[in-house]
Amino acid sequence: MERTSKVMSAREAISRFVPEHCESLAVGGMHMHNNPMTLVRELIRQNRKVKRLITSPSACINADILIGSNMVEEILTAYVGFEHLGLAANFRRSVEKKTVKLLECDEPFLVYGLQAGAGGLPFIPYPKGLELTDIPRVNPDLYRFTTDPYTGEQVMTAAPIKPAVALIHCQEADPYGNAIFKGAEFTDRQMIFASSAVILQVEKIVPNLAQKYGSTKVNVPGFLVSAVVEAPFGCHPTASHGYYTFDEAHLKGYLKSCKDPVAFGEYLSRYVNGVSAEEYPSAIGMDNLKALQTGGGSNE
């Protein structure tokens, strides 16, 4: 039987697989690395609202720009920020003004919750000691305690996290959705296994991934992937491991724009709503993008 290609544009992928009012959406990437920004920007262009945004243990512009664009009702996260560049202004302001509900959790909740969601588990127990933090008291609805059937002791648990849709960045994929992380996986692979639909953006589409790297190196099975979007420099202004580093100057400009609604609107007009996914690299400048490239990968 001939396999069906899952390759499509960002526009088509978001239109087909993200509902206009998405109940839960996960965005991959950690800190300023491997954020699926081509897909995130397309989400904004199509005004796909998200009831619950789910992040990795450390989110960045992938969450902050959605919040600043009034796309998010509530966010399940442990942290949103820009590493050494500071905190995420749109996220912080929206939480303080209560225009976005913060479901604050610790990093293990996201890691274990995604593992439970990926494995079809009803819940997953925490290691001993983590129940001593204040987080369970801040958000008692997120944490449950149960009795260990082997010891009789009380243990804290995390609920399964099962996003309706996940937006994920991998470095390479074949047309059928089989893909490879050529750097850190973070919690992105768990998001893929836990989600009902997965849109994958990649730097390159290659005809036969298993032939190129060997079948054991392919760490995303294609049957879990709904759509594959080829997006060279698609993580910009964050990094794509093995291909390019993050654009610190651009990120600083983004953070500066977040201080003023007019300036932020101008940023969105210039880099999101005013350009298509295909036009974005030209808006940044190919020379600027190529200057970010690292030794291991190439978008050419």
C-alpha atoms as a PDB file:
ATOM      1  CA  MET A   1       0.000   0.000   0.000  1.00  0.00           C
ATOM      2  CA  GLU A   2       1.326   3.412  -0.929  1.00  0.00           C
ATOM      3  CA  ARG A   3       1.823   5.745   2.005  1.00  0.00           C
ATOM      4  CA  THR A   4       0.149   9.149   2.095  1.00  0.00           C
ATOM      5  CA  SER A   5       2.282  12.271   2.399  1.00  0.00           C
ATOM      6  CA  LYS A   6       1.505  14.478   5.397  1.00  0.00           C
ATOM      7  CA  VAL A   7       3.426  17.476   4.054  1.00  0.00           C
ATOM      8  CA  MET A   8       1.470  20.729   3.969  1.00  0.00           C
ATOM      9  CA  SER A   9       1.905  24.439   4.533  1.00  0.00           C
ATOM     10  CA  ALA A  10       1.696  25.988   7.989  1.00  0.00           C
ATOM     11  CA  ARG A  11      -1.502  27.683   6.889  1.00  0.00           C
ATOM     12  CA  GLU A  12      -3.166  24.410   5.925  1.00  0.00           C
ATOM     13  CA  ALA A  13      -1.897  22.488   8.954  1.00  0.00           C
ATOM     14  CA  ILE A  14      -3.228  25.006  11.480  1.00  0.00           C
ATOM     15  CA  SER A  15      -6.495  25.370   9.589  1.00  0.00           C
ATOM     16  CA  ARG A  16      -7.083  21.606   9.444  1.00  0.00           C
ATOM     17  CA  PHE A  17      -5.930  20.465  12.871  1.00  0.00           C
ATOM     18  CA  VAL A  18      -6.423  23.362  15.316  1.00  0.00           C
ATOM     19  CA  PRO A  19     -10.083  24.190  16.054  1.00  0.00           C
ATOM     20  CA  GLU A  20     -11.113  27.849  16.203  1.00  0.00           C
ATOM     21  CA  HIS A  21     -11.560  27.446  19.961  1.00  0.00           C
ATOM     22  CA  CYS A  22      -9.038  24.790  20.925  1.00  0.00           C
ATOM     23  CA  GLU A  23      -9.650  23.214  24.321  1.00  0.00           C
ATOM     24  CA  SER A  24      -5.987  22.449  25.001  1.00  0.00           C
ATOM     25  CA  LEU A  25      -2.843  23.098  22.999  1.00  0.00           C
ATOM     26  CA  ALA A  26       0.748  22.214  23.869  1.00  0.00           C
ATOM     27  CA  VAL A  27       3.730  24.150  22.532  1.00  0.00           C
ATOM     28  CA  GLY A  28       7.098  22.423  22.451  1.00  0.00           C
ATOM     29  CA  GLY A  29      10.555  23.832  23.053  1.00  0.00           C
ATOM     30  CA  MET A  30      12.373  24.811  26.221  1.00  0.00           C
ATOM     31  CA  HIS A  31      13.617  28.279  27.139  1.00  0.00           C
ATOM     32  CA  MET A  32      14.994  29.919  23.962  1.00  0.00           C
ATOM     33  CA  HIS A  33      15.431  26.618  22.119  1.00  0.00           C
ATOM     34  CA  ASN A  34      13.338  24.687  19.590  1.00  0.00           C
ATOM     35  CA  ASN A  35      10.219  26.854  19.913  1.00  0.00           C
ATOM     36  CA  PRO A  36       7.882  25.999  16.971  1.00  0.00           C
ATOM     37  CA  MET A  37       7.512  29.651  16.014  1.00  0.00           C
ATOM     38  CA  THR A  38       6.352  29.198  12.417  1.00  0.00           C
ATOM     39  CA  LEU A  39       3.319  27.327  13.751  1.00  0.00           C
ATOM     40  CA  VAL A  40       2.808  29.726  16.671  1.00  0.00           C
ATOM     41  CA  ARG A  41       2.748  32.747  14.362  1.00  0.00           C
ATOM     42  CA  GLU A  42       0.305  30.990  12.036  1.00  0.00           C
ATOM     43  CA  LEU A  43      -1.947  30.295  15.003  1.00  0.00           C
ATOM     44  CA  ILE A  44      -2.098  34.054  15.613  1.00  0.00           C
ATOM     45  CA  ARG A  45      -2.738  34.866  11.941  1.00  0.00           C
ATOM     46  CA  GLN A  46      -5.726  32.525  11.916  1.00  0.00           C
ATOM     47  CA  ASN A  47      -6.942  33.730  15.327  1.00  0.00           C
ATOM     48  CA  ARG A  48      -7.169  30.213  16.740  1.00  0.00           C
ATOM     49  CA  LYS A  49      -8.051  30.855  20.383  1.00  0.00           C
ATOM     50  CA  VAL A  50      -6.763  28.464  23.049  1.00  0.00           C
ATOM     51  CA  LYS A  51      -8.655  27.685  26.244  1.00  0.00           C
ATOM     52  CA  ARG A  52      -5.689  25.999  27.955  1.00  0.00           C
ATOM     53  CA  LEU A  53      -2.108  26.485  26.787  1.00  0.00           C
ATOM     54  CA  ILE A  54       0.279  23.781  28.011  1.00  0.00           C
ATOM     55  CA  THR A  55       4.023  24.398  27.973  1.00  0.00           C
ATOM     56  CA  SER A  56       7.222  22.546  28.708  1.00  0.00           C
ATOM     57  CA  PRO A  57       8.738  23.160  32.166  1.00  0.00           C
ATOM     58  CA  SER A  58      10.283  26.403  30.828  1.00  0.00           C
ATOM     59  CA  ALA A  59       8.376  28.313  28.153  1.00  0.00           C
ATOM     60  CA  CYS A  60       9.495  31.428  26.292  1.00  0.00           C
ATOM     61  CA  ILE A  61       8.267  33.546  23.379  1.00  0.00           C
ATOM     62  CA  ASN A  62       6.180  30.587  22.164  1.00  0.00           C
ATOM     63  CA  ALA A  63       3.788  31.247  25.077  1.00  0.00           C
ATOM     64  CA  ASP A  64       4.377  34.957  25.639  1.00  0.00           C
ATOM     65  CA  ILE A  65       3.485  36.064  22.103  1.00  0.00           C
ATOM     66  CA  LEU A  66       0.256  34.050  22.192  1.00  0.00           C
ATOM     67  CA  ILE A  67      -0.702  35.655  25.491  1.00  0.00           C
ATOM     68  CA  GLY A  68       0.183  39.129  24.188  1.00  0.00           C
ATOM     69  CA  SER A  69      -2.027  38.478  21.159  1.00  0.00           C
ATOM     70  CA  ASN A  70      -5.015  37.695  23.421  1.00  0.00           C
ATOM     71  CA  MET A  71      -5.127  34.091  22.247  1.00  0.00           C
ATOM     72  CA  VAL A  72      -5.008  32.305  25.619  1.00  0.00           C
ATOM     73  CA  GLU A  73      -7.608  31.899  28.350  1.00  0.00           C
ATOM     74  CA  GLU A  74      -5.475  29.960  30.826  1.00  0.00           C
ATOM     75  CA  ILE A  75      -1.939  28.578  30.930  1.00  0.00           C
ATOM     76  CA  LEU A  76      -0.542  25.475  32.617  1.00  0.00           C
ATOM     77  CA  THR A  77       3.129  26.237  33.181  1.00  0.00           C
ATOM     78  CA  ALA A  78       5.985  26.348  35.670  1.00  0.00           C
ATOM     79  CA  TYR A  79       7.877  29.262  34.099  1.00  0.00           C
ATOM     80  CA  VAL A  80       7.725  31.676  31.164  1.00  0.00           C
ATOM     81  CA  GLY A  81      10.815  33.771  30.552  1.00  0.00           C
ATOM     82  CA  PHE A  82      13.824  34.586  28.428  1.00  0.00           C
ATOM     83  CA  GLU A  83      16.723  33.164  30.452  1.00  0.00           C
ATOM     84  CA  HIS A  84      19.361  35.899  30.932  1.00  0.00           C
ATOM     85  CA  LEU A  85      17.199  38.470  29.116  1.00  0.00           C
ATOM     86  CA  GLY A  86      14.556  38.565  31.825  1.00  0.00           C
ATOM     87  CA  LEU A  87      10.964  37.582  32.482  1.00  0.00           C
ATOM     88  CA  ALA A  88       8.164  37.374  29.919  1.00  0.00           C
ATOM     89  CA  ALA A  89       6.374  40.716  30.047  1.00  0.00           C
ATOM     90  CA  ASN A  90       3.064  39.778  28.401  1.00  0.00           C
ATOM     91  CA  PHE A  91       2.739  36.681  30.564  1.00  0.00           C
ATOM     92  CA  ARG A  92       3.500  38.525  33.798  1.00  0.00           C
ATOM     93  CA  ARG A  93       1.229  41.484  33.045  1.00  0.00           C
ATOM     94  CA  SER A  94      -1.698  39.281  31.991  1.00  0.00           C
ATOM     95  CA  VAL A  95      -1.436  37.101  35.086  1.00  0.00           C
ATOM     96  CA  GLU A  96      -1.206  40.140  37.375  1.00  0.00           C
ATOM     97  CA  LYS A  97      -4.270  41.708  35.710  1.00  0.00           C
ATOM     98  CA  LYS A  98      -6.045  38.326  35.789  1.00  0.00           C
ATOM     99  CA  THR A  99      -6.825  38.469  32.071  1.00  0.00           C
ATOM    100  CA  VAL A 100      -5.131  35.069  31.814  1.00  0.00           C
ATOM    101  CA  LYS A 101      -5.621  32.403  34.458  1.00  0.00           C
ATOM    102  CA  LEU A 102      -2.377  30.871  35.672  1.00  0.00           C
ATOM    103  CA  LEU A 103      -2.488  27.183  36.569  1.00  0.00           C
ATOM    104  CA  GLU A 104       0.833  27.257  38.366  1.00  0.00           C
ATOM    105  CA  CYS A 105       2.632  23.968  38.791  1.00  0.00           C
ATOM    106  CA  ASP A 106       6.145  22.707  39.333  1.00  0.00           C
ATOM    107  CA  GLU A 107       8.337  21.244  36.593  1.00  0.00           C
ATOM    108  CA  PRO A 108       7.757  17.617  37.671  1.00  0.00           C
ATOM    109  CA  PHE A 109       3.999  18.064  37.260  1.00  0.00           C
ATOM    110  CA  LEU A 110       4.493  18.772  33.550  1.00  0.00           C
ATOM    111  CA  VAL A 111       7.070  16.016  33.065  1.00  0.00           C
ATOM    112  CA  TYR A 112       5.143  13.342  34.955  1.00  0.00           C
ATOM    113  CA  GLY A 113       1.760  14.519  33.682  1.00  0.00           C
ATOM    114  CA  LEU A 114       2.871  14.219  30.058  1.00  0.00           C
ATOM    115  CA  GLN A 115       4.371  10.802  30.802  1.00  0.00           C
ATOM    116  CA  ALA A 116       1.030   9.711  32.276  1.00  0.00           C
ATOM    117  CA  GLY A 117      -0.834  11.115  29.287  1.00  0.00           C
ATOM    118  CA  ALA A 118       1.525   9.384  26.859  1.00  0.00           C
ATOM    119  CA  GLY A 119       1.250   6.084  28.707  1.00  0.00           C
ATOM    120  CA  GLY A 120      -2.522   6.110  29.189  1.00  0.00           C
ATOM    121  CA  LEU A 121      -2.160   6.187  32.973  1.00  0.00           C
ATOM    122  CA  PRO A 122      -4.903   7.548  35.285  1.00  0.00           C
ATOM    123  CA  PHE A 123      -2.240   9.368  37.333  1.00  0.00           C
ATOM    124  CA  ILE A 124       1.443   9.102  38.159  1.00  0.00           C
ATOM    125  CA  PRO A 125       3.053   9.260  41.633  1.00  0.00           C
ATOM    126  CA  TYR A 126       5.686  11.806  42.593  1.00  0.00           C
ATOM    127  CA  PRO A 127       9.003  10.871  44.218  1.00  0.00           C
ATOM    128  CA  LYS A 128       9.095  11.458  47.952  1.00  0.00           C
ATOM    129  CA  GLY A 129       9.991  14.959  49.110  1.00  0.00           C
ATOM    130  CA  LEU A 130       8.418  17.053  46.357  1.00  0.00           C
ATOM    131  CA  GLU A 131       5.165  17.267  48.303  1.00  0.00           C
ATOM    132  CA  LEU A 132       6.974  19.535  50.791  1.00  0.00           C
ATOM    133  CA  THR A 133       6.838  22.555  48.451  1.00  0.00           C
ATOM    134  CA  ASP A 134       4.061  25.175  48.604  1.00  0.00           C
ATOM    135  CA  ILE A 135       2.822  24.484  45.067  1.00  0.00           C
ATOM    136  CA  PRO A 136       0.190  21.879  46.109  1.00  0.00           C
ATOM    137  CA  ARG A 137      -1.252  24.427  48.531  1.00  0.00           C
ATOM    138  CA  VAL A 138      -1.278  27.197  45.907  1.00  0.00           C
ATOM    139  CA  ASN A 139      -3.124  25.013  43.391  1.00  0.00           C
ATOM    140  CA  PRO A 140      -4.817  22.190  45.302  1.00  0.00           C
ATOM    141  CA  ASP A 141      -7.002  21.311  42.286  1.00  0.00           C
ATOM    142  CA  LEU A 142      -3.943  20.160  40.337  1.00  0.00           C
ATOM    143  CA  TYR A 143      -2.522  17.830  42.983  1.00  0.00           C
ATOM    144  CA  ARG A 144      -4.011  14.744  44.564  1.00  0.00           C
ATOM    145  CA  PHE A 145      -2.747  12.427  47.285  1.00  0.00           C
ATOM    146  CA  THR A 146      -3.314   8.704  47.417  1.00  0.00           C
ATOM    147  CA  THR A 147      -2.191   5.722  49.464  1.00  0.00           C
ATOM    148  CA  ASP A 148       0.750   3.685  48.265  1.00  0.00           C
ATOM    149  CA  PRO A 149      -0.704   0.133  48.137  1.00  0.00           C
ATOM    150  CA  TYR A 150       2.709  -1.344  48.984  1.00  0.00           C
ATOM    151  CA  THR A 151       3.725   0.802  51.972  1.00  0.00           C
ATOM    152  CA  GLY A 152       0.492   2.418  53.115  1.00  0.00           C
ATOM    153  CA  GLU A 153       2.128   5.857  52.970  1.00  0.00           C
ATOM    154  CA  GLN A 154       0.554   8.934  51.384  1.00  0.00           C
ATOM    155  CA  VAL A 155       2.047   9.939  48.018  1.00  0.00           C
ATOM    156  CA  MET A 156       1.415  12.980  45.860  1.00  0.00           C
ATOM    157  CA  THR A 157       0.340  12.393  42.275  1.00  0.00           C
ATOM    158  CA  ALA A 158       0.122  14.257  38.962  1.00  0.00           C
ATOM    159  CA  ALA A 159      -2.880  13.956  36.670  1.00  0.00           C
ATOM    160  CA  PRO A 160      -2.385  12.879  33.049  1.00  0.00           C
ATOM    161  CA  ILE A 161      -1.879  15.736  30.581  1.00  0.00           C
ATOM    162  CA  LYS A 162      -3.522  14.990  27.221  1.00  0.00           C
ATOM    163  CA  PRO A 163      -3.389  17.982  24.884  1.00  0.00           C
ATOM    164  CA  ALA A 164      -5.868  18.100  22.013  1.00  0.00           C
ATOM    165  CA  VAL A 165      -3.120  19.456  19.741  1.00  0.00           C
ATOM    166  CA  ALA A 166       0.658  19.774  20.037  1.00  0.00           C
ATOM    167  CA  LEU A 167       2.898  22.099  18.017  1.00  0.00           C
ATOM    168  CA  ILE A 168       6.400  20.624  17.928  1.00  0.00           C
ATOM    169  CA  HIS A 169       9.727  21.376  16.237  1.00  0.00           C
ATOM    170  CA  CYS A 170      12.032  18.607  15.036  1.00  0.00           C
ATOM    171  CA  GLN A 171      15.124  19.015  12.913  1.00  0.00           C
ATOM    172  CA  GLU A 172      14.231  16.573  10.124  1.00  0.00           C
ATOM    173  CA  ALA A 173      11.314  14.406   9.007  1.00  0.00           C
ATOM    174  CA  ASP A 174      10.252  12.341   6.050  1.00  0.00           C
ATOM    175  CA  PRO A 175       6.996  13.124   4.203  1.00  0.00           C
ATOM    176  CA  TYR A 176       5.117  10.581   6.328  1.00  0.00           C
ATOM    177  CA  GLY A 177       5.842  12.126   9.724  1.00  0.00           C
ATOM    178  CA  ASN A 178       8.741   9.984  10.910  1.00  0.00           C
ATOM    179  CA  ALA A 179      11.127  12.475  12.487  1.00  0.00           C
ATOM    180  CA  ILE A 180      14.342  12.953  14.405  1.00  0.00           C
ATOM    181  CA  PHE A 181      15.403  15.254  17.213  1.00  0.00           C
ATOM    182  CA  LYS A 182      19.029  16.097  16.478  1.00  0.00           C
ATOM    183  CA  GLY A 183      19.443  17.920  19.774  1.00  0.00           C
ATOM    184  CA  ALA A 184      17.610  17.895  23.094  1.00  0.00           C
ATOM    185  CA  GLU A 185      14.122  16.386  23.137  1.00  0.00           C
ATOM    186  CA  PHE A 186      13.103  18.237  26.332  1.00  0.00           C
ATOM    187  CA  THR A 187       9.469  17.154  26.976  1.00  0.00           C
ATOM    188  CA  ASP A 188       8.572  17.435  23.281  1.00  0.00           C
ATOM    189  CA  ARG A 189       8.556  13.704  22.634  1.00  0.00           C
ATOM    190  CA  GLN A 190       6.203  13.138  25.580  1.00  0.00           C
ATOM    191  CA  MET A 191       3.929  15.848  24.153  1.00  0.00           C
ATOM    192  CA  ILE A 192       3.828  13.984  20.848  1.00  0.00           C
ATOM    193  CA  PHE A 193       2.845  10.708  22.507  1.00  0.00           C
ATOM    194  CA  ALA A 194       0.291  12.373  24.814  1.00  0.00           C
ATOM    195  CA  SER A 195      -1.527  14.536  22.231  1.00  0.00           C
ATOM    196  CA  SER A 196      -4.493  13.665  20.033  1.00  0.00           C
ATOM    197  CA  ALA A 197      -3.108  15.622  17.037  1.00  0.00           C
ATOM    198  CA  VAL A 198       0.493  16.650  16.333  1.00  0.00           C
ATOM    199  CA  ILE A 199       1.700  19.284  13.890  1.00  0.00           C
ATOM    200  CA  LEU A 200       5.416  18.954  13.275  1.00  0.00           C
ATOM    201  CA  GLN A 201       7.551  21.746  11.839  1.00  0.00           C
ATOM    202  CA  VAL A 202      11.010  20.774  10.603  1.00  0.00           C
ATOM    203  CA  GLU A 203      14.085  22.376   9.124  1.00  0.00           C
ATOM    204  CA  LYS A 204      14.227  19.782   6.342  1.00  0.00           C
ATOM    205  CA  ILE A 205      12.076  17.100   4.794  1.00  0.00           C
ATOM    206  CA  VAL A 206      14.139  14.155   3.557  1.00  0.00           C
ATOM    207  CA  PRO A 207      12.800  11.352   1.342  1.00  0.00           C
ATOM    208  CA  ASN A 208      13.830   8.439   3.576  1.00  0.00           C
ATOM    209  CA  LEU A 209      14.823   9.287   7.129  1.00  0.00           C
ATOM    210  CA  ALA A 210      15.490   5.700   8.239  1.00  0.00           C
ATOM    211  CA  GLN A 211      17.796   5.123   5.295  1.00  0.00           C
ATOM    212  CA  LYS A 212      19.712   8.319   6.056  1.00  0.00           C
ATOM    213  CA  TYR A 213      20.227   7.772   9.801  1.00  0.00           C
ATOM    214  CA  GLY A 214      19.260   4.174  10.509  1.00  0.00           C
ATOM    215  CA  SER A 215      15.880   3.150  11.882  1.00  0.00           C
ATOM    216  CA  THR A 216      17.018   3.202  15.521  1.00  0.00           C
ATOM    217  CA  LYS A 217      17.817   6.927  15.321  1.00  0.00           C
ATOM    218  CA  VAL A 218      14.285   7.868  14.209  1.00  0.00           C
ATOM    219  CA  ASN A 219      12.667   8.843  17.501  1.00  0.00           C
ATOM    220  CA  VAL A 220       9.255  10.136  16.339  1.00  0.00           C
ATOM    221  CA  PRO A 221       6.971   7.529  14.701  1.00  0.00           C
ATOM    222  CA  GLY A 222       5.019   8.914  11.782  1.00  0.00           C
ATOM    223  CA  PHE A 223       1.685   7.363  12.787  1.00  0.00           C
ATOM    224  CA  LEU A 224       1.485   9.869  15.671  1.00  0.00           C
ATOM    225  CA  VAL A 225       1.982  12.909  13.419  1.00  0.00           C
ATOM    226  CA  SER A 226      -0.936  14.654  11.703  1.00  0.00           C
ATOM    227  CA  ALA A 227       0.977  17.126   9.539  1.00  0.00           C
ATOM    228  CA  VAL A 228       4.563  17.923   8.555  1.00  0.00           C
ATOM    229  CA  VAL A 229       5.501  21.530   7.766  1.00  0.00           C
ATOM    230  CA  GLU A 230       8.878  22.308   6.246  1.00  0.00           C
ATOM    231  CA  ALA A 231       9.984  25.575   7.834  1.00  0.00           C
ATOM    232  CA  PRO A 232      13.670  26.503   7.457  1.00  0.00           C
ATOM    233  CA  PHE A 233      14.627  28.844  10.325  1.00  0.00           C
ATOM    234  CA  GLY A 234      11.184  28.081  11.732  1.00  0.00           C
ATOM    235  CA  CYS A 235      12.287  28.449  15.359  1.00  0.00           C
ATOM    236  CA  HIS A 236      13.539  32.010  14.898  1.00  0.00           C
ATOM    237  CA  PRO A 237      14.069  34.021  17.050  1.00  0.00           C
ATOM    238  CA  THR A 238      14.831  30.975  19.211  1.00  0.00           C
ATOM    239  CA  ALA A 239      17.432  28.313  18.431  1.00  0.00           C
ATOM    240  CA  SER A 240      17.123  25.058  16.515  1.00  0.00           C
ATOM    241  CA  HIS A 241      19.653  22.580  17.881  1.00  0.00           C
ATOM    242  CA  GLY A 242      22.364  21.780  15.384  1.00  0.00           C
ATOM    243  CA  TYR A 243      21.165  24.405  12.906  1.00  0.00           C
ATOM    244  CA  TYR A 244      21.256  27.908  14.405  1.00  0.00           C
ATOM    245  CA  THR A 245      21.420  29.734  17.704  1.00  0.00           C
ATOM    246  CA  PHE A 246      18.890  32.173  19.132  1.00  0.00           C
ATOM    247  CA  ASP A 247      18.721  35.747  17.831  1.00  0.00           C
ATOM    248  CA  GLU A 248      19.476  37.767  20.955  1.00  0.00           C
ATOM    249  CA  ALA A 249      19.108  41.154  19.240  1.00  0.00           C
ATOM    250  CA  HIS A 250      15.659  40.233  17.931  1.00  0.00           C
ATOM    251  CA  LEU A 251      14.568  38.869  21.302  1.00  0.00           C
ATOM    252  CA  LYS A 252      15.664  42.080  23.007  1.00  0.00           C
ATOM    253  CA  GLY A 253      13.646  44.049  20.453  1.00  0.00           C
ATOM    254  CA  TYR A 254      10.636  41.830  21.111  1.00  0.00           C
ATOM    255  CA  LEU A 255      10.901  42.347  24.877  1.00  0.00           C
ATOM    256  CA  LYS A 256      11.182  46.111  24.390  1.00  0.00           C
ATOM    257  CA  SER A 257       8.020  46.110  22.267  1.00  0.00           C
ATOM    258  CA  CYS A 258       6.134  44.284  25.025  1.00  0.00           C
ATOM    259  CA  LYS A 259       6.413  47.351  27.263  1.00  0.00           C
ATOM    260  CA  ASP A 260       4.048  49.370  25.074  1.00  0.00           C
ATOM    261  CA  PRO A 261       0.801  48.173  23.412  1.00  0.00           C
ATOM    262  CA  VAL A 262       1.389  50.297  20.312  1.00  0.00           C
ATOM    263  CA  ALA A 263       4.937  48.986  19.892  1.00  0.00           C
ATOM    264  CA  PHE A 264       3.751  45.410  20.406  1.00  0.00           C
ATOM    265  CA  GLY A 265       1.063  45.914  17.781  1.00  0.00           C
ATOM    266  CA  GLU A 266       3.723  47.163  15.395  1.00  0.00           C
ATOM    267  CA  TYR A 267       5.843  44.079  16.131  1.00  0.00           C
ATOM    268  CA  LEU A 268       2.916  41.788  15.321  1.00  0.00           C
ATOM    269  CA  SER A 269       2.171  43.708  12.144  1.00  0.00           C
ATOM    270  CA  ARG A 270       5.772  43.520  10.973  1.00  0.00           C
ATOM    271  CA  TYR A 271       6.569  39.913  11.839  1.00  0.00           C
ATOM    272  CA  VAL A 272       3.248  38.086  12.163  1.00  0.00           C
ATOM    273  CA  ASN A 273       0.036  39.495  10.730  1.00  0.00           C
ATOM    274  CA  GLY A 274       1.740  41.532   8.022  1.00  0.00           C
ATOM    275  CA  VAL A 275       3.686  38.610   6.532  1.00  0.00           C
ATOM    276  CA  SER A 276       2.980  35.001   5.663  1.00  0.00           C
ATOM    277  CA  ALA A 277       4.986  32.067   6.991  1.00  0.00           C
ATOM    278  CA  GLU A 278       6.785  31.939   3.651  1.00  0.00           C
ATOM    279  CA  GLU A 279       7.598  35.674   3.762  1.00  0.00           C
ATOM    280  CA  TYR A 280       8.914  35.690   7.341  1.00  0.00           C
ATOM    281  CA  PRO A 281      12.560  34.821   6.514  1.00  0.00           C
ATOM    282  CA  SER A 282      12.722  37.787   4.114  1.00  0.00           C
ATOM    283  CA  ALA A 283      11.256  40.052   6.794  1.00  0.00           C
ATOM    284  CA  ILE A 284      14.128  39.083   9.092  1.00  0.00           C
ATOM    285  CA  GLY A 285      16.715  39.061   6.292  1.00  0.00           C
ATOM    286  CA  MET A 286      18.430  35.938   4.996  1.00  0.00           C
ATOM    287  CA  ASP A 287      21.876  37.350   5.779  1.00  0.00           C
ATOM    288  CA  ASN A 288      20.806  37.844   9.397  1.00  0.00           C
ATOM    289  CA  LEU A 289      19.443  34.308   9.599  1.00  0.00           C
ATOM    290  CA  LYS A 290      22.512  32.716   8.037  1.00  0.00           C
ATOM    291  CA  ALA A 291      24.719  34.577  10.521  1.00  0.00           C
ATOM    292  CA  LEU A 292      22.992  32.573  13.277  1.00  0.00           C
ATOM    293  CA  GLN A 293      23.840  29.198  11.769  1.00  0.00           C
ATOM    294  CA  THR A 294      25.970  26.770  13.730  1.00  0.00           C
ATOM    295  CA  GLY A 295      28.393  24.205  12.376  1.00  0.00           C
ATOM    296  CA  GLY A 296      26.262  21.090  12.516  1.00  0.00           C
ATOM    297  CA  GLY A 297      23.284  21.985  10.369  1.00  0.00           C
ATOM    298  CA  SER A 298      22.394  23.930   7.268  1.00  0.00           C
ATOM    299  CA  ASN A 299      19.099  25.171   5.868  1.00  0.00           C
ATOM    300  CA  GLU A 300      20.399  25.253   2.326  1.00  0.00           C
END
